[in-house]
Amino acid sequence: DEIDSLASQRESSEGSNVGNRVLTQLLIEIDGMEQLKNVFIV
């Protein structure tokens, strides 16, 4: 819920702030879901 607060557009600070790092980790986890079955993000 409120995904915009977790994945707002990244700033040009090369991922130095926590928001950028969390978004990067979220993208990594989603891309890794090819190995998972029956896990959905809504």
Full PDB file with SEQRES, HELIX, SHEET, SSBOND, CRYST1, ORIGX, SCALE, CONECT and MASTER records, all heavy atoms in Angstrom:
SEQRES   1 A   42  ASP GLU ILE ASP SER LEU ALA SER GLN ARG GLU SER SER          
SEQRES   2 A   42  GLU GLY SER ASN VAL GLY ASN ARG VAL LEU THR GLN LEU          
SEQRES   3 A   42  LEU ILE GLU ILE ASP GLY MET GLU GLN LEU LYS ASN VAL          
SEQRES   4 A   42  PHE ILE VAL                                                  
HELIX    1 AA1 ILE A    3  LEU A    6  1                                   4    
HELIX    2 AA2 VAL A   18  ASP A   31  1                                  14    
HELIX    3 AA3 GLY A   32  GLN A   35  5                                   4    
CRYST1    1.000    1.000    1.000  90.00  90.00  90.00 P 1           1          
ORIGX1      1.000000  0.000000  0.000000        0.00000                         
ORIGX2      0.000000  1.000000  0.000000        0.00000                         
ORIGX3      0.000000  0.000000  1.000000        0.00000                         
SCALE1      1.000000  0.000000  0.000000        0.00000                         
SCALE2      0.000000  1.000000  0.000000        0.00000                         
SCALE3      0.000000  0.000000  1.000000        0.00000                         
ATOM      1  N   ASP A   1       0.853  -1.182   0.000  1.00  0.00           N  
ATOM      2  CA  ASP A   1       0.000   0.000   0.000  1.00  0.00           C  
ATOM      3  C   ASP A   1       0.893   1.238   0.000  1.00  0.00           C  
ATOM      4  O   ASP A   1       2.001   1.207   0.544  1.00  0.00           O  
ATOM      5  CB  ASP A   1      -0.905  -0.017   1.234  1.00  0.00           C  
ATOM      6  CG  ASP A   1      -2.117   0.889   1.080  1.00  0.00           C  
ATOM      7  OD1 ASP A   1      -2.306   1.442  -0.022  1.00  0.00           O  
ATOM      8  OD2 ASP A   1      -2.876   1.020   2.046  1.00  0.00           O  
ATOM      9  N   GLU A   2       0.415   2.297  -0.636  1.00  0.00           N  
ATOM     10  CA  GLU A   2       1.197   3.530  -0.741  1.00  0.00           C  
ATOM     11  C   GLU A   2       2.572   3.244  -1.339  1.00  0.00           C  
ATOM     12  O   GLU A   2       3.606   3.663  -0.820  1.00  0.00           O  
ATOM     13  CB  GLU A   2       1.326   4.206   0.618  1.00  0.00           C  
ATOM     14  CG  GLU A   2      -0.008   4.546   1.270  1.00  0.00           C  
ATOM     15  CD  GLU A   2       0.150   5.102   2.677  1.00  0.00           C  
ATOM     16  OE1 GLU A   2       1.283   5.457   3.051  1.00  0.00           O  
ATOM     17  OE2 GLU A   2      -0.850   5.173   3.396  1.00  0.00           O  
ATOM     18  N   ILE A   3       2.592   2.511  -2.454  1.00  0.00           N  
ATOM     19  CA  ILE A   3       3.849   2.106  -3.081  1.00  0.00           C  
ATOM     20  C   ILE A   3       4.667   3.324  -3.515  1.00  0.00           C  
ATOM     21  O   ILE A   3       5.893   3.247  -3.603  1.00  0.00           O  
ATOM     22  CB  ILE A   3       3.565   1.180  -4.296  1.00  0.00           C  
ATOM     23  CG1 ILE A   3       4.863   0.604  -4.879  1.00  0.00           C  
ATOM     24  CG2 ILE A   3       2.788   1.908  -5.367  1.00  0.00           C  
ATOM     25  CD1 ILE A   3       5.547  -0.383  -3.995  1.00  0.00           C  
ATOM     26  N   ASP A   4       4.015   4.464  -3.742  1.00  0.00           N  
ATOM     27  CA  ASP A   4       4.740   5.666  -4.162  1.00  0.00           C  
ATOM     28  C   ASP A   4       5.705   6.154  -3.084  1.00  0.00           C  
ATOM     29  O   ASP A   4       6.737   6.762  -3.383  1.00  0.00           O  
ATOM     30  CB  ASP A   4       3.768   6.779  -4.536  1.00  0.00           C  
ATOM     31  CG  ASP A   4       2.729   7.033  -3.462  1.00  0.00           C  
ATOM     32  OD1 ASP A   4       1.829   6.185  -3.310  1.00  0.00           O  
ATOM     33  OD2 ASP A   4       2.809   8.052  -2.766  1.00  0.00           O  
ATOM     34  N   SER A   5       5.389   5.892  -1.808  1.00  0.00           N  
ATOM     35  CA  SER A   5       6.284   6.308  -0.723  1.00  0.00           C  
ATOM     36  C   SER A   5       7.504   5.404  -0.628  1.00  0.00           C  
ATOM     37  O   SER A   5       8.541   5.803  -0.094  1.00  0.00           O  
ATOM     38  CB  SER A   5       5.537   6.292   0.613  1.00  0.00           C  
ATOM     39  OG  SER A   5       5.140   4.973   0.954  1.00  0.00           O  
ATOM     40  N   LEU A   6       7.392   4.201  -1.170  1.00  0.00           N  
ATOM     41  CA  LEU A   6       8.496   3.236  -1.117  1.00  0.00           C  
ATOM     42  C   LEU A   6       9.324   3.267  -2.390  1.00  0.00           C  
ATOM     43  O   LEU A   6      10.526   2.985  -2.355  1.00  0.00           O  
ATOM     44  CB  LEU A   6       7.924   1.827  -0.916  1.00  0.00           C  
ATOM     45  CG  LEU A   6       8.905   0.667  -0.818  1.00  0.00           C  
ATOM     46  CD1 LEU A   6       9.760   0.805   0.432  1.00  0.00           C  
ATOM     47  CD2 LEU A   6       8.153  -0.660  -0.784  1.00  0.00           C  
ATOM     48  N   ALA A   7       8.702   3.611  -3.502  1.00  0.00           N  
ATOM     49  CA  ALA A   7       9.376   3.522  -4.799  1.00  0.00           C  
ATOM     50  C   ALA A   7       9.217   4.809  -5.587  1.00  0.00           C  
ATOM     51  O   ALA A   7       8.909   4.781  -6.779  1.00  0.00           O  
ATOM     52  CB  ALA A   7       8.817   2.343  -5.586  1.00  0.00           C  
ATOM     53  N   SER A   8       9.424   5.930  -4.934  1.00  0.00           N  
ATOM     54  CA  SER A   8       9.345   7.203  -5.646  1.00  0.00           C  
ATOM     55  C   SER A   8      10.552   7.352  -6.558  1.00  0.00           C  
ATOM     56  O   SER A   8      11.553   6.639  -6.420  1.00  0.00           O  
ATOM     57  CB  SER A   8       9.287   8.364  -4.653  1.00  0.00           C  
ATOM     58  OG  SER A   8      10.415   8.343  -3.798  1.00  0.00           O  
ATOM     59  N   GLN A   9      10.445   8.268  -7.502  1.00  0.00           N  
ATOM     60  CA  GLN A   9      11.497   8.436  -8.497  1.00  0.00           C  
ATOM     61  C   GLN A   9      12.826   8.738  -7.826  1.00  0.00           C  
ATOM     62  O   GLN A   9      12.928   9.574  -6.937  1.00  0.00           O  
ATOM     63  CB  GLN A   9      11.127   9.554  -9.469  1.00  0.00           C  
ATOM     64  CG  GLN A   9       9.877   9.229 -10.279  1.00  0.00           C  
ATOM     65  CD  GLN A   9       9.571  10.289 -11.308  1.00  0.00           C  
ATOM     66  OE1 GLN A   9      10.455  11.005 -11.764  1.00  0.00           O  
ATOM     67  NE2 GLN A   9       8.309  10.398 -11.676  1.00  0.00           N  
ATOM     68  N   ARG A  10      13.864   8.028  -8.304  1.00  0.00           N  
ATOM     69  CA  ARG A  10      15.177   8.157  -7.690  1.00  0.00           C  
ATOM     70  C   ARG A  10      15.804   9.510  -7.988  1.00  0.00           C  
ATOM     71  O   ARG A  10      15.634  10.066  -9.057  1.00  0.00           O  
ATOM     72  CB  ARG A  10      16.097   7.033  -8.173  1.00  0.00           C  
ATOM     73  CG  ARG A  10      15.809   5.713  -7.504  1.00  0.00           C  
ATOM     74  CD  ARG A  10      16.618   4.594  -8.095  1.00  0.00           C  
ATOM     75  NE  ARG A  10      16.063   4.175  -9.388  1.00  0.00           N  
ATOM     76  CZ  ARG A  10      16.429   3.068 -10.035  1.00  0.00           C  
ATOM     77  NH1 ARG A  10      17.329   2.275  -9.498  1.00  0.00           N  
ATOM     78  NH2 ARG A  10      15.887   2.751 -11.193  1.00  0.00           N  
ATOM     79  N   GLU A  11      16.560   9.983  -7.017  1.00  0.00           N  
ATOM     80  CA  GLU A  11      17.267  11.242  -7.176  1.00  0.00           C  
ATOM     81  C   GLU A  11      18.608  10.984  -7.851  1.00  0.00           C  
ATOM     82  O   GLU A  11      19.044   9.850  -7.999  1.00  0.00           O  
ATOM     83  CB  GLU A  11      17.458  11.902  -5.806  1.00  0.00           C  
ATOM     84  CG  GLU A  11      16.137  12.177  -5.079  1.00  0.00           C  
ATOM     85  CD  GLU A  11      16.358  12.642  -3.656  1.00  0.00           C  
ATOM     86  OE1 GLU A  11      17.526  12.756  -3.254  1.00  0.00           O  
ATOM     87  OE2 GLU A  11      15.361  12.872  -2.956  1.00  0.00           O  
ATOM     88  N   SER A  12      19.257  12.052  -8.230  1.00  0.00           N  
ATOM     89  CA  SER A  12      20.531  11.935  -8.957  1.00  0.00           C  
ATOM     90  C   SER A  12      21.714  11.839  -8.003  1.00  0.00           C  
ATOM     91  O   SER A  12      22.798  12.333  -8.277  1.00  0.00           O  
ATOM     92  CB  SER A  12      20.714  13.152  -9.871  1.00  0.00           C  
ATOM     93  OG  SER A  12      20.676  14.344  -9.124  1.00  0.00           O  
ATOM     94  N   SER A  13      21.499  11.183  -6.847  1.00  0.00           N  
ATOM     95  CA  SER A  13      22.562  11.120  -5.834  1.00  0.00           C  
ATOM     96  C   SER A  13      23.231   9.752  -5.814  1.00  0.00           C  
ATOM     97  O   SER A  13      23.783   9.344  -4.812  1.00  0.00           O  
ATOM     98  CB  SER A  13      21.978  11.435  -4.461  1.00  0.00           C  
ATOM     99  OG  SER A  13      20.852  10.606  -4.207  1.00  0.00           O  
ATOM    100  N   GLU A  14      23.142   9.029  -6.936  1.00  0.00           N  
ATOM    101  CA  GLU A  14      23.811   7.724  -7.073  1.00  0.00           C  
ATOM    102  C   GLU A  14      23.434   6.771  -5.948  1.00  0.00           C  
ATOM    103  O   GLU A  14      24.239   5.998  -5.458  1.00  0.00           O  
ATOM    104  CB  GLU A  14      25.342   7.904  -7.102  1.00  0.00           C  
ATOM    105  CG  GLU A  14      25.833   8.746  -8.260  1.00  0.00           C  
ATOM    106  CD  GLU A  14      25.507   8.123  -9.622  1.00  0.00           C  
ATOM    107  OE1 GLU A  14      25.484   6.890  -9.694  1.00  0.00           O  
ATOM    108  OE2 GLU A  14      25.282   8.857 -10.577  1.00  0.00           O  
ATOM    109  N   GLY A  15      22.179   6.813  -5.536  1.00  0.00           N  
ATOM    110  CA  GLY A  15      21.694   5.850  -4.547  1.00  0.00           C  
ATOM    111  C   GLY A  15      22.209   6.078  -3.153  1.00  0.00           C  
ATOM    112  O   GLY A  15      22.279   5.162  -2.350  1.00  0.00           O  
ATOM    113  N   SER A  16      22.603   7.312  -2.828  1.00  0.00           N  
ATOM    114  CA  SER A  16      23.206   7.550  -1.526  1.00  0.00           C  
ATOM    115  C   SER A  16      22.181   7.597  -0.405  1.00  0.00           C  
ATOM    116  O   SER A  16      22.514   7.358   0.741  1.00  0.00           O  
ATOM    117  CB  SER A  16      23.995   8.872  -1.553  1.00  0.00           C  
ATOM    118  OG  SER A  16      23.123   9.953  -1.843  1.00  0.00           O  
ATOM    119  N   ASN A  17      20.909   7.930  -0.700  1.00  0.00           N  
ATOM    120  CA  ASN A  17      19.944   8.010   0.389  1.00  0.00           C  
ATOM    121  C   ASN A  17      19.181   6.701   0.525  1.00  0.00           C  
ATOM    122  O   ASN A  17      19.187   5.850  -0.370  1.00  0.00           O  
ATOM    123  CB  ASN A  17      18.996   9.205   0.196  1.00  0.00           C  
ATOM    124  CG  ASN A  17      18.135   9.071  -1.043  1.00  0.00           C  
ATOM    125  OD1 ASN A  17      17.480   8.049  -1.237  1.00  0.00           O  
ATOM    126  ND2 ASN A  17      18.118  10.088  -1.877  1.00  0.00           N  
ATOM    127  N   VAL A  18      18.504   6.555   1.660  1.00  0.00           N  
ATOM    128  CA  VAL A  18      17.871   5.280   1.981  1.00  0.00           C  
ATOM    129  C   VAL A  18      16.756   4.942   0.995  1.00  0.00           C  
ATOM    130  O   VAL A  18      16.548   3.773   0.655  1.00  0.00           O  
ATOM    131  CB  VAL A  18      17.359   5.301   3.441  1.00  0.00           C  
ATOM    132  CG1 VAL A  18      16.273   6.348   3.624  1.00  0.00           C  
ATOM    133  CG2 VAL A  18      16.865   3.935   3.863  1.00  0.00           C  
ATOM    134  N   GLY A  19      16.023   5.951   0.522  1.00  0.00           N  
ATOM    135  CA  GLY A  19      14.956   5.691  -0.429  1.00  0.00           C  
ATOM    136  C   GLY A  19      15.464   5.057  -1.707  1.00  0.00           C  
ATOM    137  O   GLY A  19      14.870   4.110  -2.234  1.00  0.00           O  
ATOM    138  N   ASN A  20      16.576   5.545  -2.225  1.00  0.00           N  
ATOM    139  CA  ASN A  20      17.167   4.983  -3.433  1.00  0.00           C  
ATOM    140  C   ASN A  20      17.615   3.547  -3.209  1.00  0.00           C  
ATOM    141  O   ASN A  20      17.434   2.672  -4.064  1.00  0.00           O  
ATOM    142  CB  ASN A  20      18.358   5.826  -3.883  1.00  0.00           C  
ATOM    143  CG  ASN A  20      17.944   7.173  -4.432  1.00  0.00           C  
ATOM    144  OD1 ASN A  20      16.749   7.455  -4.576  1.00  0.00           O  
ATOM    145  ND2 ASN A  20      18.913   8.015  -4.731  1.00  0.00           N  
ATOM    146  N   ARG A  21      18.221   3.293  -2.051  1.00  0.00           N  
ATOM    147  CA  ARG A  21      18.720   1.947  -1.778  1.00  0.00           C  
ATOM    148  C   ARG A  21      17.578   0.953  -1.615  1.00  0.00           C  
ATOM    149  O   ARG A  21      17.671  -0.200  -2.060  1.00  0.00           O  
ATOM    150  CB  ARG A  21      19.594   1.958  -0.518  1.00  0.00           C  
ATOM    151  CG  ARG A  21      20.851   2.817  -0.647  1.00  0.00           C  
ATOM    152  CD  ARG A  21      21.880   2.460   0.420  1.00  0.00           C  
ATOM    153  NE  ARG A  21      21.323   2.546   1.766  1.00  0.00           N  
ATOM    154  CZ  ARG A  21      21.325   3.657   2.508  1.00  0.00           C  
ATOM    155  NH1 ARG A  21      21.841   4.776   2.024  1.00  0.00           N  
ATOM    156  NH2 ARG A  21      20.839   3.647   3.724  1.00  0.00           N  
ATOM    157  N   VAL A  22      16.487   1.381  -0.976  1.00  0.00           N  
ATOM    158  CA  VAL A  22      15.338   0.501  -0.800  1.00  0.00           C  
ATOM    159  C   VAL A  22      14.713   0.173  -2.147  1.00  0.00           C  
ATOM    160  O   VAL A  22      14.352  -0.976  -2.423  1.00  0.00           O  
ATOM    161  CB  VAL A  22      14.297   1.143   0.142  1.00  0.00           C  
ATOM    162  CG1 VAL A  22      12.975   0.397   0.086  1.00  0.00           C  
ATOM    163  CG2 VAL A  22      14.822   1.156   1.573  1.00  0.00           C  
ATOM    164  N   LEU A  23      14.577   1.165  -3.012  1.00  0.00           N  
ATOM    165  CA  LEU A  23      14.021   0.918  -4.342  1.00  0.00           C  
ATOM    166  C   LEU A  23      14.905  -0.040  -5.125  1.00  0.00           C  
ATOM    167  O   LEU A  23      14.402  -0.963  -5.781  1.00  0.00           O  
ATOM    168  CB  LEU A  23      13.872   2.235  -5.098  1.00  0.00           C  
ATOM    169  CG  LEU A  23      13.405   2.113  -6.558  1.00  0.00           C  
ATOM    170  CD1 LEU A  23      12.085   1.373  -6.657  1.00  0.00           C  
ATOM    171  CD2 LEU A  23      13.300   3.494  -7.197  1.00  0.00           C  
ATOM    172  N   THR A  24      16.207   0.152  -5.049  1.00  0.00           N  
ATOM    173  CA  THR A  24      17.132  -0.757  -5.733  1.00  0.00           C  
ATOM    174  C   THR A  24      16.968  -2.187  -5.230  1.00  0.00           C  
ATOM    175  O   THR A  24      16.925  -3.140  -6.014  1.00  0.00           O  
ATOM    176  CB  THR A  24      18.587  -0.302  -5.520  1.00  0.00           C  
ATOM    177  OG1 THR A  24      18.750   1.018  -6.064  1.00  0.00           O  
ATOM    178  CG2 THR A  24      19.557  -1.250  -6.205  1.00  0.00           C  
ATOM    179  N   GLN A  25      16.837  -2.361  -3.912  1.00  0.00           N  
ATOM    180  CA  GLN A  25      16.645  -3.695  -3.349  1.00  0.00           C  
ATOM    181  C   GLN A  25      15.319  -4.289  -3.791  1.00  0.00           C  
ATOM    182  O   GLN A  25      15.219  -5.487  -4.093  1.00  0.00           O  
ATOM    183  CB  GLN A  25      16.697  -3.628  -1.820  1.00  0.00           C  
ATOM    184  CG  GLN A  25      16.648  -4.987  -1.130  1.00  0.00           C  
ATOM    185  CD  GLN A  25      17.847  -5.841  -1.468  1.00  0.00           C  
ATOM    186  OE1 GLN A  25      18.986  -5.357  -1.436  1.00  0.00           O  
ATOM    187  NE2 GLN A  25      17.611  -7.101  -1.797  1.00  0.00           N  
ATOM    188  N   LEU A  26      14.282  -3.460  -3.878  1.00  0.00           N  
ATOM    189  CA  LEU A  26      12.975  -3.927  -4.330  1.00  0.00           C  
ATOM    190  C   LEU A  26      13.048  -4.424  -5.769  1.00  0.00           C  
ATOM    191  O   LEU A  26      12.487  -5.486  -6.103  1.00  0.00           O  
ATOM    192  CB  LEU A  26      11.950  -2.800  -4.201  1.00  0.00           C  
ATOM    193  CG  LEU A  26      10.509  -3.111  -4.607  1.00  0.00           C  
ATOM    194  CD1 LEU A  26       9.927  -4.214  -3.729  1.00  0.00           C  
ATOM    195  CD2 LEU A  26       9.643  -1.857  -4.510  1.00  0.00           C  
ATOM    196  N   LEU A  27      13.746  -3.701  -6.620  1.00  0.00           N  
ATOM    197  CA  LEU A  27      13.902  -4.120  -8.017  1.00  0.00           C  
ATOM    198  C   LEU A  27      14.665  -5.437  -8.114  1.00  0.00           C  
ATOM    199  O   LEU A  27      14.330  -6.308  -8.925  1.00  0.00           O  
ATOM    200  CB  LEU A  27      14.625  -3.026  -8.808  1.00  0.00           C  
ATOM    201  CG  LEU A  27      13.907  -1.676  -8.925  1.00  0.00           C  
ATOM    202  CD1 LEU A  27      14.784  -0.658  -9.648  1.00  0.00           C  
ATOM    203  CD2 LEU A  27      12.575  -1.835  -9.633  1.00  0.00           C  
ATOM    204  N   ILE A  28      15.678  -5.587  -7.283  1.00  0.00           N  
ATOM    205  CA  ILE A  28      16.459  -6.830  -7.270  1.00  0.00           C  
ATOM    206  C   ILE A  28      15.583  -8.013  -6.876  1.00  0.00           C  
ATOM    207  O   ILE A  28      15.635  -9.083  -7.496  1.00  0.00           O  
ATOM    208  CB  ILE A  28      17.657  -6.703  -6.299  1.00  0.00           C  
ATOM    209  CG1 ILE A  28      18.684  -5.721  -6.846  1.00  0.00           C  
ATOM    210  CG2 ILE A  28      18.305  -8.073  -6.066  1.00  0.00           C  
ATOM    211  CD1 ILE A  28      19.786  -5.382  -5.858  1.00  0.00           C  
ATOM    212  N   GLU A  29      14.766  -7.832  -5.854  1.00  0.00           N  
ATOM    213  CA  GLU A  29      13.904  -8.913  -5.389  1.00  0.00           C  
ATOM    214  C   GLU A  29      12.852  -9.284  -6.436  1.00  0.00           C  
ATOM    215  O   GLU A  29      12.559 -10.463  -6.645  1.00  0.00           O  
ATOM    216  CB  GLU A  29      13.213  -8.515  -4.076  1.00  0.00           C  
ATOM    217  CG  GLU A  29      14.152  -8.306  -2.909  1.00  0.00           C  
ATOM    218  CD  GLU A  29      14.896  -9.558  -2.516  1.00  0.00           C  
ATOM    219  OE1 GLU A  29      14.364 -10.664  -2.741  1.00  0.00           O  
ATOM    220  OE2 GLU A  29      16.016  -9.438  -1.983  1.00  0.00           O  
ATOM    221  N   ILE A  30      12.281  -8.294  -7.106  1.00  0.00           N  
ATOM    222  CA  ILE A  30      11.277  -8.580  -8.132  1.00  0.00           C  
ATOM    223  C   ILE A  30      11.896  -9.328  -9.295  1.00  0.00           C  
ATOM    224  O   ILE A  30      11.340 -10.304  -9.801  1.00  0.00           O  
ATOM    225  CB  ILE A  30      10.610  -7.276  -8.610  1.00  0.00           C  
ATOM    226  CG1 ILE A  30       9.793  -6.652  -7.478  1.00  0.00           C  
ATOM    227  CG2 ILE A  30       9.718  -7.538  -9.814  1.00  0.00           C  
ATOM    228  CD1 ILE A  30       9.206  -5.292  -7.814  1.00  0.00           C  
ATOM    229  N   ASP A  31      13.074  -8.892  -9.743  1.00  0.00           N  
ATOM    230  CA  ASP A  31      13.736  -9.569 -10.858  1.00  0.00           C  
ATOM    231  C   ASP A  31      14.113 -10.990 -10.495  1.00  0.00           C  
ATOM    232  O   ASP A  31      14.108 -11.887 -11.340  1.00  0.00           O  
ATOM    233  CB  ASP A  31      14.992  -8.792 -11.265  1.00  0.00           C  
ATOM    234  CG  ASP A  31      14.653  -7.474 -11.942  1.00  0.00           C  
ATOM    235  OD1 ASP A  31      13.505  -7.341 -12.417  1.00  0.00           O  
ATOM    236  OD2 ASP A  31      15.519  -6.592 -11.988  1.00  0.00           O  
ATOM    237  N   GLY A  32      14.404 -11.223  -9.210  1.00  0.00           N  
ATOM    238  CA  GLY A  32      14.763 -12.565  -8.775  1.00  0.00           C  
ATOM    239  C   GLY A  32      13.582 -13.490  -8.637  1.00  0.00           C  
ATOM    240  O   GLY A  32      13.740 -14.678  -8.397  1.00  0.00           O  
ATOM    241  N   MET A  33      12.362 -12.969  -8.800  1.00  0.00           N  
ATOM    242  CA  MET A  33      11.173 -13.779  -8.602  1.00  0.00           C  
ATOM    243  C   MET A  33      10.939 -14.773  -9.732  1.00  0.00           C  
ATOM    244  O   MET A  33      10.011 -15.561  -9.690  1.00  0.00           O  
ATOM    245  CB  MET A  33       9.939 -12.881  -8.447  1.00  0.00           C  
ATOM    246  CG  MET A  33       9.931 -12.128  -7.138  1.00  0.00           C  
ATOM    247  SD  MET A  33       8.461 -11.114  -6.921  1.00  0.00           S  
ATOM    248  CE  MET A  33       7.197 -12.362  -6.814  1.00  0.00           C  
ATOM    249  N   GLU A  34      11.766 -14.751 -10.770  1.00  0.00           N  
ATOM    250  CA  GLU A  34      11.647 -15.747 -11.835  1.00  0.00           C  
ATOM    251  C   GLU A  34      11.854 -17.153 -11.271  1.00  0.00           C  
ATOM    252  O   GLU A  34      11.366 -18.128 -11.822  1.00  0.00           O  
ATOM    253  CB  GLU A  34      12.667 -15.463 -12.930  1.00  0.00           C  
ATOM    254  CG  GLU A  34      12.393 -14.174 -13.685  1.00  0.00           C  
ATOM    255  CD  GLU A  34      13.440 -13.878 -14.728  1.00  0.00           C  
ATOM    256  OE1 GLU A  34      14.417 -14.644 -14.806  1.00  0.00           O  
ATOM    257  OE2 GLU A  34      13.288 -12.887 -15.451  1.00  0.00           O  
ATOM    258  N   GLN A  35      12.577 -17.255 -10.167  1.00  0.00           N  
ATOM    259  CA  GLN A  35      12.835 -18.543  -9.549  1.00  0.00           C  
ATOM    260  C   GLN A  35      11.745 -18.946  -8.569  1.00  0.00           C  
ATOM    261  O   GLN A  35      11.783 -20.025  -8.012  1.00  0.00           O  
ATOM    262  CB  GLN A  35      14.190 -18.508  -8.825  1.00  0.00           C  
ATOM    263  CG  GLN A  35      15.353 -18.097  -9.719  1.00  0.00           C  
ATOM    264  CD  GLN A  35      15.514 -19.016 -10.903  1.00  0.00           C  
ATOM    265  OE1 GLN A  35      15.375 -20.239 -10.771  1.00  0.00           O  
ATOM    266  NE2 GLN A  35      15.804 -18.454 -12.070  1.00  0.00           N  
ATOM    267  N   LEU A  36      10.778 -18.060  -8.332  1.00  0.00           N  
ATOM    268  CA  LEU A  36       9.708 -18.342  -7.387  1.00  0.00           C  
ATOM    269  C   LEU A  36       8.430 -18.695  -8.133  1.00  0.00           C  
ATOM    270  O   LEU A  36       8.234 -18.310  -9.273  1.00  0.00           O  
ATOM    271  CB  LEU A  36       9.442 -17.134  -6.486  1.00  0.00           C  
ATOM    272  CG  LEU A  36      10.625 -16.610  -5.675  1.00  0.00           C  
ATOM    273  CD1 LEU A  36      10.175 -15.435  -4.837  1.00  0.00           C  
ATOM    274  CD2 LEU A  36      11.208 -17.700  -4.800  1.00  0.00           C  
ATOM    275  N   LYS A  37       7.575 -19.421  -7.470  1.00  0.00           N  
ATOM    276  CA  LYS A  37       6.293 -19.768  -8.052  1.00  0.00           C  
ATOM    277  C   LYS A  37       5.173 -19.285  -7.141  1.00  0.00           C  
ATOM    278  O   LYS A  37       5.252 -19.398  -5.929  1.00  0.00           O  
ATOM    279  CB  LYS A  37       6.173 -21.290  -8.241  1.00  0.00           C  
ATOM    280  CG  LYS A  37       7.108 -21.850  -9.307  1.00  0.00           C  
ATOM    281  CD  LYS A  37       6.874 -23.344  -9.495  1.00  0.00           C  
ATOM    282  CE  LYS A  37       7.776 -23.901 -10.584  1.00  0.00           C  
ATOM    283  NZ  LYS A  37       7.559 -25.362 -10.777  1.00  0.00           N  
ATOM    284  N   ASN A  38       4.147 -18.762  -7.779  1.00  0.00           N  
ATOM    285  CA  ASN A  38       2.923 -18.370  -7.061  1.00  0.00           C  
ATOM    286  C   ASN A  38       3.164 -17.325  -5.979  1.00  0.00           C  
ATOM    287  O   ASN A  38       2.575 -17.367  -4.907  1.00  0.00           O  
ATOM    288  CB  ASN A  38       2.242 -19.601  -6.464  1.00  0.00           C  
ATOM    289  CG  ASN A  38       1.781 -20.569  -7.534  1.00  0.00           C  
ATOM    290  OD1 ASN A  38       1.491 -20.184  -8.650  1.00  0.00           O  
ATOM    291  ND2 ASN A  38       1.718 -21.839  -7.185  1.00  0.00           N  
ATOM    292  N   VAL A  39       4.061 -16.384  -6.261  1.00  0.00           N  
ATOM    293  CA  VAL A  39       4.238 -15.217  -5.417  1.00  0.00           C  
ATOM    294  C   VAL A  39       3.920 -14.006  -6.281  1.00  0.00           C  
ATOM    295  O   VAL A  39       4.520 -13.806  -7.329  1.00  0.00           O  
ATOM    296  CB  VAL A  39       5.663 -15.105  -4.854  1.00  0.00           C  
ATOM    297  CG1 VAL A  39       5.821 -13.797  -4.064  1.00  0.00           C  
ATOM    298  CG2 VAL A  39       5.981 -16.293  -3.978  1.00  0.00           C  
ATOM    299  N   PHE A  40       2.951 -13.205  -5.848  1.00  0.00           N  
ATOM    300  CA  PHE A  40       2.467 -12.086  -6.642  1.00  0.00           C  
ATOM    301  C   PHE A  40       2.608 -10.789  -5.862  1.00  0.00           C  
ATOM    302  O   PHE A  40       2.427 -10.768  -4.639  1.00  0.00           O  
ATOM    303  CB  PHE A  40       0.991 -12.283  -7.011  1.00  0.00           C  
ATOM    304  CG  PHE A  40       0.708 -13.584  -7.710  1.00  0.00           C  
ATOM    305  CD1 PHE A  40       0.373 -14.718  -6.985  1.00  0.00           C  
ATOM    306  CD2 PHE A  40       0.764 -13.660  -9.091  1.00  0.00           C  
ATOM    307  CE1 PHE A  40       0.109 -15.916  -7.619  1.00  0.00           C  
ATOM    308  CE2 PHE A  40       0.493 -14.859  -9.732  1.00  0.00           C  
ATOM    309  CZ  PHE A  40       0.172 -15.990  -9.010  1.00  0.00           C  
ATOM    310  N   ILE A  41       2.924  -9.724  -6.582  1.00  0.00           N  
ATOM    311  CA  ILE A  41       2.957  -8.399  -5.976  1.00  0.00           C  
ATOM    312  C   ILE A  41       1.744  -7.630  -6.459  1.00  0.00           C  
ATOM    313  O   ILE A  41       1.519  -7.498  -7.665  1.00  0.00           O  
ATOM    314  CB  ILE A  41       4.225  -7.629  -6.368  1.00  0.00           C  
ATOM    315  CG1 ILE A  41       5.471  -8.362  -5.894  1.00  0.00           C  
ATOM    316  CG2 ILE A  41       4.201  -6.216  -5.772  1.00  0.00           C  
ATOM    317  CD1 ILE A  41       6.748  -7.707  -6.371  1.00  0.00           C  
ATOM    318  N   VAL A  42       0.953  -7.138  -5.519  1.00  0.00           N  
ATOM    319  CA  VAL A  42      -0.143  -6.228  -5.832  1.00  0.00           C  
ATOM    320  C   VAL A  42       0.147  -4.943  -5.065  1.00  0.00           C  
ATOM    321  O   VAL A  42       0.386  -4.978  -3.859  1.00  0.00           O  
ATOM    322  CB  VAL A  42      -1.509  -6.803  -5.422  1.00  0.00           C  
ATOM    323  CG1 VAL A  42      -2.619  -5.803  -5.746  1.00  0.00           C  
ATOM    324  CG2 VAL A  42      -1.777  -8.125  -6.144  1.00  0.00           C  
TER     325      VAL A  42                                                      
MASTER        0    0    0    3    0    0    0    6  324    1    0    4          
END                                                                             
